[in-house]
């Protein structure tokens, strides 16, 4: 867990969560994303890594306005991921 926390470190005073809804006809899972203004705890990390709800959305921008990592959400379900990776590189 510590290695994972180090790689995906971010804001420690708030985090994101997502309440799942129903799946749309296009395959996209509908739901509600929101920010929880509480400290990120080891228990939250552990539950997330075990696949237990609630999901943990680390905010990548830290308290001192630095960002160590990023993430892209692609809502194309027939995407050829290998081709995308090659394009990004």
C-alpha atoms as a PDB file:
ATOM      1  CA  UNK A   1       0.000   0.000   0.000  1.00  0.00           C
ATOM      2  CA  UNK A   2       2.812   2.448   0.826  1.00  0.00           C
ATOM      3  CA  UNK A   3       4.334   2.135  -2.658  1.00  0.00           C
ATOM      4  CA  UNK A   4       0.932   2.759  -4.237  1.00  0.00           C
ATOM      5  CA  UNK A   5       0.337   5.773  -1.969  1.00  0.00           C
ATOM      6  CA  UNK A   6       3.725   7.197  -2.939  1.00  0.00           C
ATOM      7  CA  UNK A   7       3.094   6.812  -6.676  1.00  0.00           C
ATOM      8  CA  UNK A   8      -0.430   8.265  -6.515  1.00  0.00           C
ATOM      9  CA  UNK A   9       0.109  10.857  -3.799  1.00  0.00           C
ATOM     10  CA  UNK A  10      -2.012  13.980  -3.896  1.00  0.00           C
ATOM     11  CA  UNK A  11      -4.234  16.163  -1.762  1.00  0.00           C
ATOM     12  CA  UNK A  12      -4.601  14.743   1.745  1.00  0.00           C
ATOM     13  CA  UNK A  13      -7.417  16.962   3.059  1.00  0.00           C
ATOM     14  CA  UNK A  14     -10.104  15.892   0.559  1.00  0.00           C
ATOM     15  CA  UNK A  15     -10.847  13.124  -1.942  1.00  0.00           C
ATOM     16  CA  UNK A  16     -13.332  12.169  -4.599  1.00  0.00           C
ATOM     17  CA  UNK A  17     -16.026   9.528  -4.443  1.00  0.00           C
ATOM     18  CA  UNK A  18     -18.477   8.154  -6.977  1.00  0.00           C
ATOM     19  CA  UNK A  19     -21.930   6.742  -6.365  1.00  0.00           C
ATOM     20  CA  UNK A  20     -22.729   4.228  -9.095  1.00  0.00           C
ATOM     21  CA  UNK A  21     -25.959   4.483 -10.995  1.00  0.00           C
ATOM     22  CA  UNK A  22     -27.293   2.436 -13.880  1.00  0.00           C
ATOM     23  CA  UNK A  23     -25.424   1.597 -17.078  1.00  0.00           C
ATOM     24  CA  UNK A  24     -26.540   3.551 -20.143  1.00  0.00           C
ATOM     25  CA  UNK A  25     -27.238   2.056 -23.563  1.00  0.00           C
ATOM     26  CA  UNK A  26     -23.773   3.189 -24.712  1.00  0.00           C
ATOM     27  CA  UNK A  27     -22.111   1.176 -21.935  1.00  0.00           C
ATOM     28  CA  UNK A  28     -21.226   4.185 -19.786  1.00  0.00           C
ATOM     29  CA  UNK A  29     -21.896   3.762 -16.090  1.00  0.00           C
ATOM     30  CA  UNK A  30     -24.024   6.639 -14.846  1.00  0.00           C
ATOM     31  CA  UNK A  31     -23.635   8.017 -11.363  1.00  0.00           C
ATOM     32  CA  UNK A  32     -22.675  10.993  -9.244  1.00  0.00           C
ATOM     33  CA  UNK A  33     -19.120  12.165  -8.551  1.00  0.00           C
ATOM     34  CA  UNK A  34     -18.466  14.402  -5.556  1.00  0.00           C
ATOM     35  CA  UNK A  35     -15.730  15.675  -3.234  1.00  0.00           C
ATOM     36  CA  UNK A  36     -15.494  14.604   0.410  1.00  0.00           C
ATOM     37  CA  UNK A  37     -13.755  17.259   2.511  1.00  0.00           C
ATOM     38  CA  UNK A  38     -12.113  14.896   4.999  1.00  0.00           C
ATOM     39  CA  UNK A  39      -8.580  13.560   5.402  1.00  0.00           C
ATOM     40  CA  UNK A  40      -7.470  10.655   3.226  1.00  0.00           C
ATOM     41  CA  UNK A  41      -6.859   7.764   5.639  1.00  0.00           C
ATOM     42  CA  UNK A  42      -4.986   4.479   5.350  1.00  0.00           C
ATOM     43  CA  UNK A  43      -8.328   2.721   5.810  1.00  0.00           C
ATOM     44  CA  UNK A  44      -9.698   4.449   2.685  1.00  0.00           C
ATOM     45  CA  UNK A  45      -6.601   3.409   0.722  1.00  0.00           C
ATOM     46  CA  UNK A  46      -6.818  -0.178   1.986  1.00  0.00           C
ATOM     47  CA  UNK A  47     -10.517  -0.500   1.171  1.00  0.00           C
ATOM     48  CA  UNK A  48      -9.977   0.968  -2.304  1.00  0.00           C
ATOM     49  CA  UNK A  49      -7.089  -1.379  -3.089  1.00  0.00           C
ATOM     50  CA  UNK A  50      -9.163  -4.334  -1.861  1.00  0.00           C
ATOM     51  CA  UNK A  51     -11.997  -3.311  -4.195  1.00  0.00           C
ATOM     52  CA  UNK A  52     -14.340  -2.468  -1.346  1.00  0.00           C
ATOM     53  CA  UNK A  53     -16.613   0.579  -1.570  1.00  0.00           C
ATOM     54  CA  UNK A  54     -16.449   3.455  -1.461  1.00  0.00           C
ATOM     55  CA  UNK A  55     -14.011   4.056  -4.305  1.00  0.00           C
ATOM     56  CA  UNK A  56     -11.221   6.500  -3.501  1.00  0.00           C
ATOM     57  CA  UNK A  57     -10.506   9.325  -5.943  1.00  0.00           C
ATOM     58  CA  UNK A  58      -7.200  10.919  -5.022  1.00  0.00           C
ATOM     59  CA  UNK A  59      -7.010  14.553  -6.139  1.00  0.00           C
ATOM     60  CA  UNK A  60      -3.575  14.775  -7.823  1.00  0.00           C
ATOM     61  CA  UNK A  61      -2.907  18.435  -6.954  1.00  0.00           C
ATOM     62  CA  UNK A  62      -1.272  18.735  -3.524  1.00  0.00           C
ATOM     63  CA  UNK A  63      -1.731  21.388  -0.848  1.00  0.00           C
ATOM     64  CA  UNK A  64       1.341  23.221  -2.232  1.00  0.00           C
ATOM     65  CA  UNK A  65      -0.132  23.271  -5.788  1.00  0.00           C
ATOM     66  CA  UNK A  66       2.135  20.572  -7.224  1.00  0.00           C
ATOM     67  CA  UNK A  67       0.954  17.674  -9.342  1.00  0.00           C
ATOM     68  CA  UNK A  68       2.825  14.357  -9.554  1.00  0.00           C
ATOM     69  CA  UNK A  69       0.534  12.323 -11.833  1.00  0.00           C
ATOM     70  CA  UNK A  70      -2.496  12.641 -14.089  1.00  0.00           C
ATOM     71  CA  UNK A  71      -5.313  10.528 -15.456  1.00  0.00           C
ATOM     72  CA  UNK A  72      -7.457  10.532 -18.583  1.00  0.00           C
ATOM     73  CA  UNK A  73     -11.068   9.307 -18.682  1.00  0.00           C
ATOM     74  CA  UNK A  74     -11.890   8.068 -22.181  1.00  0.00           C
ATOM     75  CA  UNK A  75     -15.534   7.265 -22.848  1.00  0.00           C
ATOM     76  CA  UNK A  76     -14.976   5.410 -26.119  1.00  0.00           C
ATOM     77  CA  UNK A  77     -15.859   1.774 -25.531  1.00  0.00           C
ATOM     78  CA  UNK A  78     -14.595   0.237 -28.781  1.00  0.00           C
ATOM     79  CA  UNK A  79     -11.229   1.986 -28.435  1.00  0.00           C
ATOM     80  CA  UNK A  80      -8.042   0.161 -29.394  1.00  0.00           C
ATOM     81  CA  UNK A  81      -6.023   0.955 -26.275  1.00  0.00           C
ATOM     82  CA  UNK A  82      -2.695  -0.150 -27.747  1.00  0.00           C
ATOM     83  CA  UNK A  83      -3.114   2.311 -30.633  1.00  0.00           C
ATOM     84  CA  UNK A  84      -3.909   5.128 -28.199  1.00  0.00           C
ATOM     85  CA  UNK A  85      -0.813   4.365 -26.108  1.00  0.00           C
ATOM     86  CA  UNK A  86       1.354   4.426 -29.239  1.00  0.00           C
ATOM     87  CA  UNK A  87      -0.175   7.761 -30.288  1.00  0.00           C
ATOM     88  CA  UNK A  88       0.479   9.305 -26.869  1.00  0.00           C
ATOM     89  CA  UNK A  89       4.079   8.115 -26.854  1.00  0.00           C
END
